[in-house]
Structures are given as C-alpha cells and as structure tokens.
Amino acid sequence: MGGLVVLALVITFFFSWFMGGLARLLLPGPDPMPVKHTVAVGFVGTVIGAAIATLGFGGHPGDHEYADFLLALAVTTLFVLAYRRWVRHDPWLLAPDWRWWSRPTPDSQSDRPHARKPA
C-alpha cells in the first residue's frame, strides 16, 4: 500500500509540473519562476479547475476529462498571472518585455518613446 501512495505522489508532482509549465508557456515574455512555485501553481490550479468542472458539470471527477483539463489549464494560467502581479510586483499582467512600444531603438537616448532627442 505504501508503494501506491508514493506512486500517486510522484504522478501528482509530474502532472502539476506539466500543468504549471504549460500555463507559463501560454503567457508571453520571460517568467523566472522556480520549479517549486511552478509545481505549487500547477497543483492548486488543477485542483480548483477540476473542482469547478465537477461542480459545473456534475458527476464524478474524471467523467469529463476535457473540461477538467481545460478548466485546470485556465485556472493555472490565472494563477501564473497572479504570481507575476503579486509576487514579482510586475505592474503589467503580461511580462514587461512583451511591451514592444516601450523598447528603446538603437538611435534613441531614452527608453521612453515620447522623450525628446538631444539637438
């Protein structure tokens, strides 16, 4: 019986890591999140997404695999956005490097697009 518990924990770990990583890939820009946070976000998002699917569609968990997966991925992606906002203190929900309009050009002196060039 102890071997089944360990196997269940290992499968849960890898599935949580997969869901967290997939949610991070869906969002543009760099996301320097440690593996432990990726697993935690994936686990919480998967549990909450499966609970929403079970409450919304009724039945037992696993009766509606596609809805479970899609809702788990959506909730996990929202948790990655929340991580970016409240843990990394990113003022934008999307990564700061994603803002193409604020990147400096090679001939500009400032990173602000409206700044005046020296005469």
C-alpha atoms as a PDB file:
ATOM      1  CA  MET A   1       0.000   0.000   0.000  1.00  0.00           C
ATOM      2  CA  GLY A   2       2.883   2.392   0.714  1.00  0.00           C
ATOM      3  CA  GLY A   3       4.206   1.985  -2.831  1.00  0.00           C
ATOM      4  CA  LEU A   4       0.893   3.132  -4.293  1.00  0.00           C
ATOM      5  CA  VAL A   5       0.958   6.282  -2.183  1.00  0.00           C
ATOM      6  CA  VAL A   6       4.472   7.106  -3.360  1.00  0.00           C
ATOM      7  CA  LEU A   7       3.459   6.428  -6.970  1.00  0.00           C
ATOM      8  CA  ALA A   8       0.419   8.689  -6.596  1.00  0.00           C
ATOM      9  CA  LEU A   9       2.594  11.477  -5.164  1.00  0.00           C
ATOM     10  CA  VAL A  10       5.120  11.164  -7.982  1.00  0.00           C
ATOM     11  CA  ILE A  11       2.381  11.234 -10.638  1.00  0.00           C
ATOM     12  CA  THR A  12       0.781  14.250  -8.938  1.00  0.00           C
ATOM     13  CA  PHE A  13       4.137  16.039  -8.850  1.00  0.00           C
ATOM     14  CA  PHE A  14       4.825  15.486 -12.555  1.00  0.00           C
ATOM     15  CA  PHE A  15       1.288  16.388 -13.630  1.00  0.00           C
ATOM     16  CA  SER A  16       1.393  19.583 -11.540  1.00  0.00           C
ATOM     17  CA  TRP A  17       4.764  20.443 -13.033  1.00  0.00           C
ATOM     18  CA  PHE A  18       3.384  19.815 -16.533  1.00  0.00           C
ATOM     19  CA  MET A  19       0.298  21.994 -15.972  1.00  0.00           C
ATOM     20  CA  GLY A  20       2.304  24.823 -14.406  1.00  0.00           C
ATOM     21  CA  GLY A  21       4.848  24.722 -17.211  1.00  0.00           C
ATOM     22  CA  LEU A  22       2.140  24.665 -19.869  1.00  0.00           C
ATOM     23  CA  ALA A  23       0.437  27.658 -18.256  1.00  0.00           C
ATOM     24  CA  ARG A  24       3.758  29.517 -18.228  1.00  0.00           C
ATOM     25  CA  LEU A  25       4.277  28.727 -21.915  1.00  0.00           C
ATOM     26  CA  LEU A  26       0.870  30.168 -22.806  1.00  0.00           C
ATOM     27  CA  LEU A  27       1.851  33.599 -21.482  1.00  0.00           C
ATOM     28  CA  PRO A  28       4.284  35.774 -23.432  1.00  0.00           C
ATOM     29  CA  GLY A  29       7.559  37.011 -22.018  1.00  0.00           C
ATOM     30  CA  PRO A  30      10.107  35.655 -19.572  1.00  0.00           C
ATOM     31  CA  ASP A  31       8.918  34.165 -16.329  1.00  0.00           C
ATOM     32  CA  PRO A  32      11.732  33.366 -13.876  1.00  0.00           C
ATOM     33  CA  MET A  33       9.670  31.175 -11.559  1.00  0.00           C
ATOM     34  CA  PRO A  34      11.362  28.402  -9.569  1.00  0.00           C
ATOM     35  CA  VAL A  35      10.290  24.794 -10.101  1.00  0.00           C
ATOM     36  CA  LYS A  36       8.697  24.567  -6.651  1.00  0.00           C
ATOM     37  CA  HIS A  37       6.433  27.509  -7.467  1.00  0.00           C
ATOM     38  CA  THR A  38       5.592  26.025 -10.867  1.00  0.00           C
ATOM     39  CA  VAL A  39       4.545  22.769  -9.189  1.00  0.00           C
ATOM     40  CA  ALA A  40       2.560  24.589  -6.491  1.00  0.00           C
ATOM     41  CA  VAL A  41       0.735  26.773  -9.023  1.00  0.00           C
ATOM     42  CA  GLY A  42       0.054  23.735 -11.208  1.00  0.00           C
ATOM     43  CA  PHE A  43      -1.286  21.714  -8.281  1.00  0.00           C
ATOM     44  CA  VAL A  44      -3.571  24.430  -6.940  1.00  0.00           C
ATOM     45  CA  GLY A  45      -4.823  25.343 -10.415  1.00  0.00           C
ATOM     46  CA  THR A  46      -5.501  21.705 -11.264  1.00  0.00           C
ATOM     47  CA  VAL A  47      -7.411  21.034  -8.052  1.00  0.00           C
ATOM     48  CA  ILE A  48      -9.518  24.190  -8.343  1.00  0.00           C
ATOM     49  CA  GLY A  49     -10.144  23.667 -12.078  1.00  0.00           C
ATOM     50  CA  ALA A  50     -11.240  20.065 -11.522  1.00  0.00           C
ATOM     51  CA  ALA A  51     -13.499  21.172  -8.650  1.00  0.00           C
ATOM     52  CA  ILE A  52     -15.125  23.812 -10.863  1.00  0.00           C
ATOM     53  CA  ALA A  53     -15.651  21.256 -13.630  1.00  0.00           C
ATOM     54  CA  THR A  54     -17.145  18.748 -11.200  1.00  0.00           C
ATOM     55  CA  LEU A  55     -19.477  21.320  -9.669  1.00  0.00           C
ATOM     56  CA  GLY A  56     -20.409  22.744 -13.059  1.00  0.00           C
ATOM     57  CA  PHE A  57     -20.974  19.518 -14.958  1.00  0.00           C
ATOM     58  CA  GLY A  58     -21.870  17.184 -12.098  1.00  0.00           C
ATOM     59  CA  GLY A  59     -20.842  13.581 -11.776  1.00  0.00           C
ATOM     60  CA  HIS A  60     -17.540  12.296 -10.509  1.00  0.00           C
ATOM     61  CA  PRO A  61     -14.134  13.828 -11.198  1.00  0.00           C
ATOM     62  CA  GLY A  62     -12.806  12.220 -14.346  1.00  0.00           C
ATOM     63  CA  ASP A  63     -16.191  11.860 -16.037  1.00  0.00           C
ATOM     64  CA  HIS A  64     -15.433  14.911 -18.139  1.00  0.00           C
ATOM     65  CA  GLU A  65     -11.701  14.769 -18.857  1.00  0.00           C
ATOM     66  CA  TYR A  66     -11.561  17.511 -21.475  1.00  0.00           C
ATOM     67  CA  ALA A  67     -13.441  20.014 -19.348  1.00  0.00           C
ATOM     68  CA  ASP A  68     -11.265  19.107 -16.357  1.00  0.00           C
ATOM     69  CA  PHE A  69      -8.105  19.651 -18.371  1.00  0.00           C
ATOM     70  CA  LEU A  70      -9.189  22.935 -19.978  1.00  0.00           C
ATOM     71  CA  LEU A  71     -10.513  24.436 -16.760  1.00  0.00           C
ATOM     72  CA  ALA A  72      -7.423  23.304 -14.865  1.00  0.00           C
ATOM     73  CA  LEU A  73      -5.228  24.937 -17.507  1.00  0.00           C
ATOM     74  CA  ALA A  74      -7.274  28.161 -17.434  1.00  0.00           C
ATOM     75  CA  VAL A  75      -7.176  28.389 -13.637  1.00  0.00           C
ATOM     76  CA  THR A  76      -3.452  27.576 -13.569  1.00  0.00           C
ATOM     77  CA  THR A  77      -2.803  30.299 -16.142  1.00  0.00           C
ATOM     78  CA  LEU A  78      -4.720  32.779 -13.978  1.00  0.00           C
ATOM     79  CA  PHE A  79      -2.566  31.752 -11.013  1.00  0.00           C
ATOM     80  CA  VAL A  80       0.599  32.368 -13.057  1.00  0.00           C
ATOM     81  CA  LEU A  81      -0.738  35.843 -13.883  1.00  0.00           C
ATOM     82  CA  ALA A  82      -1.438  36.408 -10.195  1.00  0.00           C
ATOM     83  CA  TYR A  83       2.092  35.247  -9.350  1.00  0.00           C
ATOM     84  CA  ARG A  84       3.517  37.758 -11.806  1.00  0.00           C
ATOM     85  CA  ARG A  85       1.416  40.546 -10.348  1.00  0.00           C
ATOM     86  CA  TRP A  86       1.694  39.984  -6.613  1.00  0.00           C
ATOM     87  CA  VAL A  87       4.914  38.053  -6.082  1.00  0.00           C
ATOM     88  CA  ARG A  88       7.104  39.612  -8.757  1.00  0.00           C
ATOM     89  CA  HIS A  89       5.351  43.001  -8.355  1.00  0.00           C
ATOM     90  CA  ASP A  90       5.026  43.309 -12.107  1.00  0.00           C
ATOM     91  CA  PRO A  91       2.759  46.289 -12.862  1.00  0.00           C
ATOM     92  CA  TRP A  92       1.622  44.648 -16.087  1.00  0.00           C
ATOM     93  CA  LEU A  93      -0.228  41.378 -16.117  1.00  0.00           C
ATOM     94  CA  LEU A  94       1.842  40.341 -19.080  1.00  0.00           C
ATOM     95  CA  ALA A  95       5.617  40.291 -18.844  1.00  0.00           C
ATOM     96  CA  PRO A  96       7.346  43.688 -19.086  1.00  0.00           C
ATOM     97  CA  ASP A  97       9.485  42.582 -22.042  1.00  0.00           C
ATOM     98  CA  TRP A  98       6.322  41.947 -24.016  1.00  0.00           C
ATOM     99  CA  ARG A  99       5.627  45.693 -24.327  1.00  0.00           C
ATOM    100  CA  TRP A 100       7.125  46.328 -27.743  1.00  0.00           C
ATOM    101  CA  TRP A 101       6.259  50.043 -27.723  1.00  0.00           C
ATOM    102  CA  SER A 102       8.500  50.815 -24.733  1.00  0.00           C
ATOM    103  CA  ARG A 103      11.681  49.227 -26.103  1.00  0.00           C
ATOM    104  CA  PRO A 104      14.391  51.739 -26.955  1.00  0.00           C
ATOM    105  CA  THR A 105      15.540  51.992 -30.533  1.00  0.00           C
ATOM    106  CA  PRO A 106      19.283  51.944 -31.255  1.00  0.00           C
ATOM    107  CA  ASP A 107      19.324  55.668 -32.090  1.00  0.00           C
ATOM    108  CA  SER A 108      17.243  56.856 -29.103  1.00  0.00           C
ATOM    109  CA  GLN A 109      18.738  58.151 -25.887  1.00  0.00           C
ATOM    110  CA  SER A 110      15.855  57.100 -23.653  1.00  0.00           C
ATOM    111  CA  ASP A 111      13.635  54.090 -23.150  1.00  0.00           C
ATOM    112  CA  ARG A 112      10.596  56.379 -23.247  1.00  0.00           C
ATOM    113  CA  PRO A 113       9.148  56.649 -26.737  1.00  0.00           C
ATOM    114  CA  HIS A 114       7.909  60.220 -26.155  1.00  0.00           C
ATOM    115  CA  ALA A 115      11.217  61.587 -24.888  1.00  0.00           C
ATOM    116  CA  ARG A 116      12.895  64.297 -26.946  1.00  0.00           C
ATOM    117  CA  LYS A 117      16.141  63.558 -28.703  1.00  0.00           C
ATOM    118  CA  PRO A 118      19.039  65.857 -27.919  1.00  0.00           C
ATOM    119  CA  ALA A 119      19.650  68.532 -30.544  1.00  0.00           C
END
